[in-house]
PDB file of N, CA and C in Angstrom:
ATOM      1  N   MET A   1      36.544   4.472  15.564  1.00  0.00           N
ATOM      2  CA  MET A   1      35.706   3.292  15.555  1.00  0.00           C
ATOM      3  C   MET A   1      34.245   3.712  15.611  1.00  0.00           C
ATOM      4  N   THR A   2      33.399   3.030  14.846  1.00  0.00           N
ATOM      5  CA  THR A   2      31.981   3.347  14.786  1.00  0.00           C
ATOM      6  C   THR A   2      31.218   2.589  15.869  1.00  0.00           C
ATOM      7  N   ALA A   3      30.354   3.300  16.567  1.00  0.00           N
ATOM      8  CA  ALA A   3      29.541   2.670  17.590  1.00  0.00           C
ATOM      9  C   ALA A   3      28.412   1.869  16.932  1.00  0.00           C
ATOM     10  N   VAL A   4      28.113   0.737  17.466  1.00  0.00           N
ATOM     11  CA  VAL A   4      27.045  -0.120  16.966  1.00  0.00           C
ATOM     12  C   VAL A   4      25.789   0.153  17.775  1.00  0.00           C
ATOM     13  N   ILE A   5      24.710   0.454  17.057  1.00  0.00           N
ATOM     14  CA  ILE A   5      23.436   0.711  17.722  1.00  0.00           C
ATOM     15  C   ILE A   5      22.525  -0.473  17.451  1.00  0.00           C
ATOM     16  N   THR A   6      22.056  -1.078  18.525  1.00  0.00           N
ATOM     17  CA  THR A   6      21.166  -2.224  18.391  1.00  0.00           C
ATOM     18  C   THR A   6      19.725  -1.715  18.239  1.00  0.00           C
ATOM     19  N   LEU A   7      19.059  -2.177  17.164  1.00  0.00           N
ATOM     20  CA  LEU A   7      17.692  -1.783  16.915  1.00  0.00           C
ATOM     21  C   LEU A   7      16.739  -2.892  17.335  1.00  0.00           C
ATOM     22  N   ALA A   8      15.535  -2.539  17.647  1.00  0.00           N
ATOM     23  CA  ALA A   8      14.520  -3.520  18.002  1.00  0.00           C
ATOM     24  C   ALA A   8      14.183  -4.360  16.749  1.00  0.00           C
ATOM     25  N   SER A   9      13.838  -5.592  16.980  1.00  0.00           N
ATOM     26  CA  SER A   9      13.442  -6.450  15.864  1.00  0.00           C
ATOM     27  C   SER A   9      12.061  -6.058  15.385  1.00  0.00           C
ATOM     28  N   ARG A  10      11.671  -6.554  14.243  1.00  0.00           N
ATOM     29  CA  ARG A  10      10.325  -6.240  13.721  1.00  0.00           C
ATOM     30  C   ARG A  10       9.257  -6.814  14.607  1.00  0.00           C
ATOM     31  N   ARG A  11       9.538  -7.867  15.295  1.00  0.00           N
ATOM     32  CA  ARG A  11       8.528  -8.437  16.200  1.00  0.00           C
ATOM     33  C   ARG A  11       8.255  -7.520  17.393  1.00  0.00           C
ATOM     34  N   ALA A  12       9.223  -6.738  17.778  1.00  0.00           N
ATOM     35  CA  ALA A  12       9.030  -5.853  18.904  1.00  0.00           C
ATOM     36  C   ALA A  12       8.277  -4.580  18.518  1.00  0.00           C
ATOM     37  N   ALA A  13       8.223  -4.279  17.263  1.00  0.00           N
ATOM     38  CA  ALA A  13       7.560  -3.062  16.807  1.00  0.00           C
ATOM     39  C   ALA A  13       6.053  -3.227  16.941  1.00  0.00           C
ATOM     40  N   PRO A  14       5.352  -2.188  17.342  1.00  0.00           N
ATOM     41  CA  PRO A  14       3.887  -2.318  17.468  1.00  0.00           C
ATOM     42  C   PRO A  14       3.282  -2.467  16.078  1.00  0.00           C
ATOM     43  N   THR A  15       2.227  -3.244  16.047  1.00  0.00           N
ATOM     44  CA  THR A  15       1.524  -3.439  14.772  1.00  0.00           C
ATOM     45  C   THR A  15       0.250  -2.639  14.762  1.00  0.00           C
ATOM     46  N   THR A  16      -0.069  -2.120  13.613  1.00  0.00           N
ATOM     47  CA  THR A  16      -1.309  -1.376  13.428  1.00  0.00           C
ATOM     48  C   THR A  16      -2.258  -2.211  12.592  1.00  0.00           C
ATOM     49  N   PRO A  17      -3.536  -2.143  12.870  1.00  0.00           N
ATOM     50  CA  PRO A  17      -4.462  -2.927  12.062  1.00  0.00           C
ATOM     51  C   PRO A  17      -4.472  -2.393  10.613  1.00  0.00           C
ATOM     52  N   PRO A  18      -4.657  -3.284   9.676  1.00  0.00           N
ATOM     53  CA  PRO A  18      -4.669  -2.848   8.263  1.00  0.00           C
ATOM     54  C   PRO A  18      -5.836  -1.863   8.019  1.00  0.00           C
ATOM     55  N   ALA A  19      -5.611  -0.950   7.125  1.00  0.00           N
ATOM     56  CA  ALA A  19      -6.627   0.009   6.772  1.00  0.00           C
ATOM     57  C   ALA A  19      -7.757  -0.651   6.009  1.00  0.00           C
ATOM     58  N   SER A  20      -8.945  -0.147   6.174  1.00  0.00           N
ATOM     59  CA  SER A  20     -10.082  -0.707   5.449  1.00  0.00           C
ATOM     60  C   SER A  20     -10.012  -0.333   3.982  1.00  0.00           C
ATOM     61  N   LEU A  21     -10.767  -1.017   3.187  1.00  0.00           N
ATOM     62  CA  LEU A  21     -10.817  -0.738   1.753  1.00  0.00           C
ATOM     63  C   LEU A  21     -11.310   0.682   1.504  1.00  0.00           C
ATOM     64  N   GLU A  22     -12.273   1.148   2.288  1.00  0.00           N
ATOM     65  CA  GLU A  22     -12.802   2.508   2.115  1.00  0.00           C
ATOM     66  C   GLU A  22     -11.701   3.566   2.354  1.00  0.00           C
ATOM     67  N   THR A  23     -10.921   3.373   3.401  1.00  0.00           N
ATOM     68  CA  THR A  23      -9.843   4.324   3.688  1.00  0.00           C
ATOM     69  C   THR A  23      -8.799   4.340   2.575  1.00  0.00           C
ATOM     70  N   ILE A  24      -8.471   3.183   2.062  1.00  0.00           N
ATOM     71  CA  ILE A  24      -7.488   3.097   0.980  1.00  0.00           C
ATOM     72  C   ILE A  24      -8.023   3.776  -0.273  1.00  0.00           C
ATOM     73  N   GLN A  25      -9.279   3.554  -0.564  1.00  0.00           N
ATOM     74  CA  GLN A  25      -9.903   4.193  -1.763  1.00  0.00           C
ATOM     75  C   GLN A  25      -9.940   5.699  -1.616  1.00  0.00           C
ATOM     76  N   LEU A  26     -10.236   6.186  -0.397  1.00  0.00           N
ATOM     77  CA  LEU A  26     -10.285   7.624  -0.204  1.00  0.00           C
ATOM     78  C   LEU A  26      -8.873   8.256  -0.363  1.00  0.00           C
ATOM     79  N   HIS A  27      -7.860   7.567   0.128  1.00  0.00           N
ATOM     80  CA  HIS A  27      -6.507   8.034  -0.044  1.00  0.00           C
ATOM     81  C   HIS A  27      -6.112   8.078  -1.531  1.00  0.00           C
ATOM     82  N   ALA A  28      -6.490   7.032  -2.254  1.00  0.00           N
ATOM     83  CA  ALA A  28      -6.193   6.972  -3.681  1.00  0.00           C
ATOM     84  C   ALA A  28      -6.893   8.095  -4.435  1.00  0.00           C
ATOM     85  N   GLN A  29      -8.145   8.349  -4.111  1.00  0.00           N
ATOM     86  CA  GLN A  29      -8.900   9.425  -4.784  1.00  0.00           C
ATOM     87  C   GLN A  29      -8.281  10.798  -4.471  1.00  0.00           C
ATOM     88  N   ALA A  30      -7.852  10.988  -3.214  1.00  0.00           N
ATOM     89  CA  ALA A  30      -7.222  12.229  -2.829  1.00  0.00           C
ATOM     90  C   ALA A  30      -5.902  12.420  -3.578  1.00  0.00           C
ATOM     91  N   HIS A  31      -5.139  11.341  -3.699  1.00  0.00           N
ATOM     92  CA  HIS A  31      -3.891  11.414  -4.431  1.00  0.00           C
ATOM     93  C   HIS A  31      -4.135  11.793  -5.906  1.00  0.00           C
ATOM     94  N   ASN A  32      -5.098  11.180  -6.516  1.00  0.00           N
ATOM     95  CA  ASN A  32      -5.427  11.476  -7.902  1.00  0.00           C
ATOM     96  C   ASN A  32      -5.850  12.924  -8.073  1.00  0.00           C
ATOM     97  N   ALA A  33      -6.682  13.431  -7.139  1.00  0.00           N
ATOM     98  CA  ALA A  33      -7.136  14.837  -7.216  1.00  0.00           C
ATOM     99  C   ALA A  33      -5.945  15.799  -7.080  1.00  0.00           C
ATOM    100  N   LEU A  34      -5.047  15.515  -6.141  1.00  0.00           N
ATOM    101  CA  LEU A  34      -3.859  16.376  -5.987  1.00  0.00           C
ATOM    102  C   LEU A  34      -2.948  16.299  -7.210  1.00  0.00           C
ATOM    103  N   SER A  35      -2.811  15.103  -7.763  1.00  0.00           N
ATOM    104  CA  SER A  35      -1.975  14.931  -8.925  1.00  0.00           C
ATOM    105  C   SER A  35      -2.538  15.744 -10.111  1.00  0.00           C
ATOM    106  N   THR A  36      -3.859  15.720 -10.264  1.00  0.00           N
ATOM    107  CA  THR A  36      -4.478  16.497 -11.352  1.00  0.00           C
ATOM    108  C   THR A  36      -4.279  17.995 -11.135  1.00  0.00           C
ATOM    109  N   ALA A  37      -4.435  18.439  -9.877  1.00  0.00           N
ATOM    110  CA  ALA A  37      -4.237  19.856  -9.569  1.00  0.00           C
ATOM    111  C   ALA A  37      -2.799  20.274  -9.899  1.00  0.00           C
ATOM    112  N   LEU A  38      -1.843  19.460  -9.491  1.00  0.00           N
ATOM    113  CA  LEU A  38      -0.415  19.804  -9.743  1.00  0.00           C
ATOM    114  C   LEU A  38      -0.128  19.755 -11.239  1.00  0.00           C
ATOM    115  N   HIS A  39      -0.779  18.868 -11.972  1.00  0.00           N
ATOM    116  CA  HIS A  39      -0.589  18.811 -13.415  1.00  0.00           C
ATOM    117  C   HIS A  39      -0.983  20.127 -14.071  1.00  0.00           C
ATOM    118  N   PHE A  40      -2.172  20.623 -13.700  1.00  0.00           N
ATOM    119  CA  PHE A  40      -2.639  21.878 -14.270  1.00  0.00           C
ATOM    120  C   PHE A  40      -1.760  23.029 -13.849  1.00  0.00           C
ATOM    121  N   LEU A  41      -1.319  23.054 -12.602  1.00  0.00           N
ATOM    122  CA  LEU A  41      -0.474  24.141 -12.126  1.00  0.00           C
ATOM    123  C   LEU A  41       0.930  24.113 -12.781  1.00  0.00           C
ATOM    124  N   GLY A  42       1.361  22.963 -13.188  1.00  0.00           N
ATOM    125  CA  GLY A  42       2.692  22.808 -13.765  1.00  0.00           C
ATOM    126  C   GLY A  42       2.755  23.180 -15.247  1.00  0.00           C
ATOM    127  N   GLN A  43       1.628  23.473 -15.848  1.00  0.00           N
ATOM    128  CA  GLN A  43       1.615  23.838 -17.259  1.00  0.00           C
ATOM    129  C   GLN A  43       2.211  25.254 -17.420  1.00  0.00           C
ATOM    130  N   PRO A  44       3.104  25.439 -18.378  1.00  0.00           N
ATOM    131  CA  PRO A  44       3.712  26.750 -18.572  1.00  0.00           C
ATOM    132  C   PRO A  44       2.713  27.802 -19.005  1.00  0.00           C
ATOM    133  N   ASP A  45       1.643  27.392 -19.688  1.00  0.00           N
ATOM    134  CA  ASP A  45       0.615  28.346 -20.133  1.00  0.00           C
ATOM    135  C   ASP A  45      -0.690  28.054 -19.421  1.00  0.00           C
ATOM    136  N   CYS A  46      -0.649  28.038 -18.074  1.00  0.00           N
ATOM    137  CA  CYS A  46      -1.832  27.751 -17.265  1.00  0.00           C
ATOM    138  C   CYS A  46      -2.850  28.874 -17.448  1.00  0.00           C
ATOM    139  N   THR A  47      -4.019  28.479 -17.934  1.00  0.00           N
ATOM    140  CA  THR A  47      -5.103  29.458 -18.180  1.00  0.00           C
ATOM    141  C   THR A  47      -5.924  29.649 -16.910  1.00  0.00           C
ATOM    142  N   ALA A  48      -6.798  30.621 -16.918  1.00  0.00           N
ATOM    143  CA  ALA A  48      -7.670  30.881 -15.784  1.00  0.00           C
ATOM    144  C   ALA A  48      -8.583  29.675 -15.527  1.00  0.00           C
ATOM    145  N   GLN A  49      -9.062  29.053 -16.580  1.00  0.00           N
ATOM    146  CA  GLN A  49      -9.913  27.835 -16.431  1.00  0.00           C
ATOM    147  C   GLN A  49      -9.133  26.699 -15.786  1.00  0.00           C
ATOM    148  N   GLN A  50      -7.897  26.521 -16.199  1.00  0.00           N
ATOM    149  CA  GLN A  50      -7.063  25.455 -15.595  1.00  0.00           C
ATOM    150  C   GLN A  50      -6.796  25.775 -14.147  1.00  0.00           C
ATOM    151  N   LEU A  51      -6.584  27.047 -13.803  1.00  0.00           N
ATOM    152  CA  LEU A  51      -6.328  27.418 -12.417  1.00  0.00           C
ATOM    153  C   LEU A  51      -7.580  27.138 -11.569  1.00  0.00           C
ATOM    154  N   GLN A  52      -8.758  27.423 -12.098  1.00  0.00           N
ATOM    155  CA  GLN A  52     -10.005  27.110 -11.388  1.00  0.00           C
ATOM    156  C   GLN A  52     -10.157  25.595 -11.202  1.00  0.00           C
ATOM    157  N   THR A  53      -9.832  24.822 -12.234  1.00  0.00           N
ATOM    158  CA  THR A  53      -9.911  23.370 -12.163  1.00  0.00           C
ATOM    159  C   THR A  53      -8.914  22.859 -11.112  1.00  0.00           C
ATOM    160  N   ALA A  54      -7.723  23.403 -11.123  1.00  0.00           N
ATOM    161  CA  ALA A  54      -6.703  22.966 -10.135  1.00  0.00           C
ATOM    162  C   ALA A  54      -7.175  23.288  -8.714  1.00  0.00           C
ATOM    163  N   THR A  55      -7.770  24.430  -8.523  1.00  0.00           N
ATOM    164  CA  THR A  55      -8.283  24.825  -7.208  1.00  0.00           C
ATOM    165  C   THR A  55      -9.402  23.844  -6.774  1.00  0.00           C
ATOM    166  N   ALA A  56     -10.304  23.535  -7.678  1.00  0.00           N
ATOM    167  CA  ALA A  56     -11.381  22.600  -7.346  1.00  0.00           C
ATOM    168  C   ALA A  56     -10.840  21.215  -6.995  1.00  0.00           C
ATOM    169  N   ARG A  57      -9.828  20.757  -7.729  1.00  0.00           N
ATOM    170  CA  ARG A  57      -9.229  19.447  -7.454  1.00  0.00           C
ATOM    171  C   ARG A  57      -8.531  19.465  -6.088  1.00  0.00           C
ATOM    172  N   ALA A  58      -7.869  20.558  -5.756  1.00  0.00           N
ATOM    173  CA  ALA A  58      -7.175  20.646  -4.455  1.00  0.00           C
ATOM    174  C   ALA A  58      -8.207  20.636  -3.314  1.00  0.00           C
ATOM    175  N   VAL A  59      -9.306  21.334  -3.499  1.00  0.00           N
ATOM    176  CA  VAL A  59     -10.351  21.360  -2.455  1.00  0.00           C
ATOM    177  C   VAL A  59     -10.945  19.951  -2.324  1.00  0.00           C
ATOM    178  N   ARG A  60     -11.167  19.292  -3.440  1.00  0.00           N
ATOM    179  CA  ARG A  60     -11.699  17.920  -3.407  1.00  0.00           C
ATOM    180  C   ARG A  60     -10.734  16.977  -2.662  1.00  0.00           C
ATOM    181  N   ALA A  61      -9.453  17.144  -2.929  1.00  0.00           N
ATOM    182  CA  ALA A  61      -8.439  16.322  -2.239  1.00  0.00           C
ATOM    183  C   ALA A  61      -8.488  16.543  -0.739  1.00  0.00           C
ATOM    184  N   ALA A  62      -8.601  17.801  -0.338  1.00  0.00           N
ATOM    185  CA  ALA A  62      -8.671  18.104   1.103  1.00  0.00           C
ATOM    186  C   ALA A  62      -9.913  17.476   1.739  1.00  0.00           C
ATOM    187  N   THR A  63     -11.041  17.509   1.038  1.00  0.00           N
ATOM    188  CA  THR A  63     -12.257  16.904   1.548  1.00  0.00           C
ATOM    189  C   THR A  63     -12.086  15.392   1.666  1.00  0.00           C
ATOM    190  N   LEU A  64     -11.482  14.771   0.662  1.00  0.00           N
ATOM    191  CA  LEU A  64     -11.260  13.309   0.683  1.00  0.00           C
ATOM    192  C   LEU A  64     -10.325  12.916   1.813  1.00  0.00           C
ATOM    193  N   LEU A  65      -9.298  13.708   2.035  1.00  0.00           N
ATOM    194  CA  LEU A  65      -8.363  13.391   3.138  1.00  0.00           C
ATOM    195  C   LEU A  65      -9.061  13.523   4.480  1.00  0.00           C
ATOM    196  N   LYS A  66      -9.931  14.503   4.596  1.00  0.00           N
ATOM    197  CA  LYS A  66     -10.709  14.650   5.841  1.00  0.00           C
ATOM    198  C   LYS A  66     -11.617  13.442   6.073  1.00  0.00           C
ATOM    199  N   ARG A  67     -12.266  12.984   5.017  1.00  0.00           N
ATOM    200  CA  ARG A  67     -13.100  11.798   5.129  1.00  0.00           C
ATOM    201  C   ARG A  67     -12.285  10.545   5.471  1.00  0.00           C
ATOM    202  N   ALA A  68     -11.105  10.423   4.854  1.00  0.00           N
ATOM    203  CA  ALA A  68     -10.240   9.277   5.137  1.00  0.00           C
ATOM    204  C   ALA A  68      -9.766   9.291   6.565  1.00  0.00           C
ATOM    205  N   SER A  69      -9.436  10.478   7.071  1.00  0.00           N
ATOM    206  CA  SER A  69      -9.004  10.606   8.477  1.00  0.00           C
ATOM    207  C   SER A  69     -10.152  10.205   9.405  1.00  0.00           C
ATOM    208  N   ALA A  70     -11.359  10.639   9.108  1.00  0.00           N
ATOM    209  CA  ALA A  70     -12.493  10.302   9.938  1.00  0.00           C
ATOM    210  C   ALA A  70     -12.774   8.801   9.908  1.00  0.00           C
ATOM    211  N   ALA A  71     -12.644   8.192   8.718  1.00  0.00           N
ATOM    212  CA  ALA A  71     -12.863   6.753   8.585  1.00  0.00           C
ATOM    213  C   ALA A  71     -11.802   5.975   9.376  1.00  0.00           C
ATOM    214  N   ALA A  72     -10.578   6.427   9.314  1.00  0.00           N
ATOM    215  CA  ALA A  72      -9.475   5.760  10.034  1.00  0.00           C
ATOM    216  C   ALA A  72      -9.668   5.873  11.542  1.00  0.00           C
ATOM    217  N   THR A  73     -10.160   7.008  11.995  1.00  0.00           N
ATOM    218  CA  THR A  73     -10.398   7.209  13.422  1.00  0.00           C
ATOM    219  C   THR A  73     -11.501   6.263  13.917  1.00  0.00           C
ATOM    220  N   ILE A  74     -12.545   6.111  13.100  1.00  0.00           N
ATOM    221  CA  ILE A  74     -13.627   5.202  13.476  1.00  0.00           C
ATOM    222  C   ILE A  74     -13.144   3.768  13.518  1.00  0.00           C
ATOM    223  N   GLU A  75     -12.283   3.404  12.564  1.00  0.00           N
ATOM    224  CA  GLU A  75     -11.724   2.025  12.523  1.00  0.00           C
ATOM    225  C   GLU A  75     -10.923   1.770  13.800  1.00  0.00           C
ATOM    226  N   ARG A  76     -10.119   2.747  14.241  1.00  0.00           N
ATOM    227  CA  ARG A  76      -9.299   2.536  15.426  1.00  0.00           C
ATOM    228  C   ARG A  76     -10.159   2.353  16.682  1.00  0.00           C
ATOM    229  N   LYS A  77     -11.276   3.064  16.751  1.00  0.00           N
ATOM    230  CA  LYS A  77     -12.156   2.966  17.916  1.00  0.00           C
ATOM    231  C   LYS A  77     -12.849   1.595  17.937  1.00  0.00           C
ATOM    232  N   GLU A  78     -13.103   1.030  16.770  1.00  0.00           N
ATOM    233  CA  GLU A  78     -13.813  -0.272  16.709  1.00  0.00           C
ATOM    234  C   GLU A  78     -12.900  -1.435  17.084  1.00  0.00           C
ATOM    235  N   VAL A  79     -11.593  -1.275  16.909  1.00  0.00           N
ATOM    236  CA  VAL A  79     -10.669  -2.369  17.141  1.00  0.00           C
ATOM    237  C   VAL A  79     -10.327  -2.495  18.579  1.00  0.00           C
TER     238      VAL A  79
END
């Protein structure tokens, strides 16, 4: 016989304030930069120029994620 586990309702779950538009945009830009980097790295004939571009996109994504994290931290302190 399977044991039944009772879960908390959605009302009992803690709610987080919605992210600001700036934070959402930073996450989207970071996602796009990582996607571009992975696209270049996934090419079977990845050239040195494409590797440099992929590296630059990955660094940009890391910077954008750092900015998004800082923006989210500031938002939490204000609430």
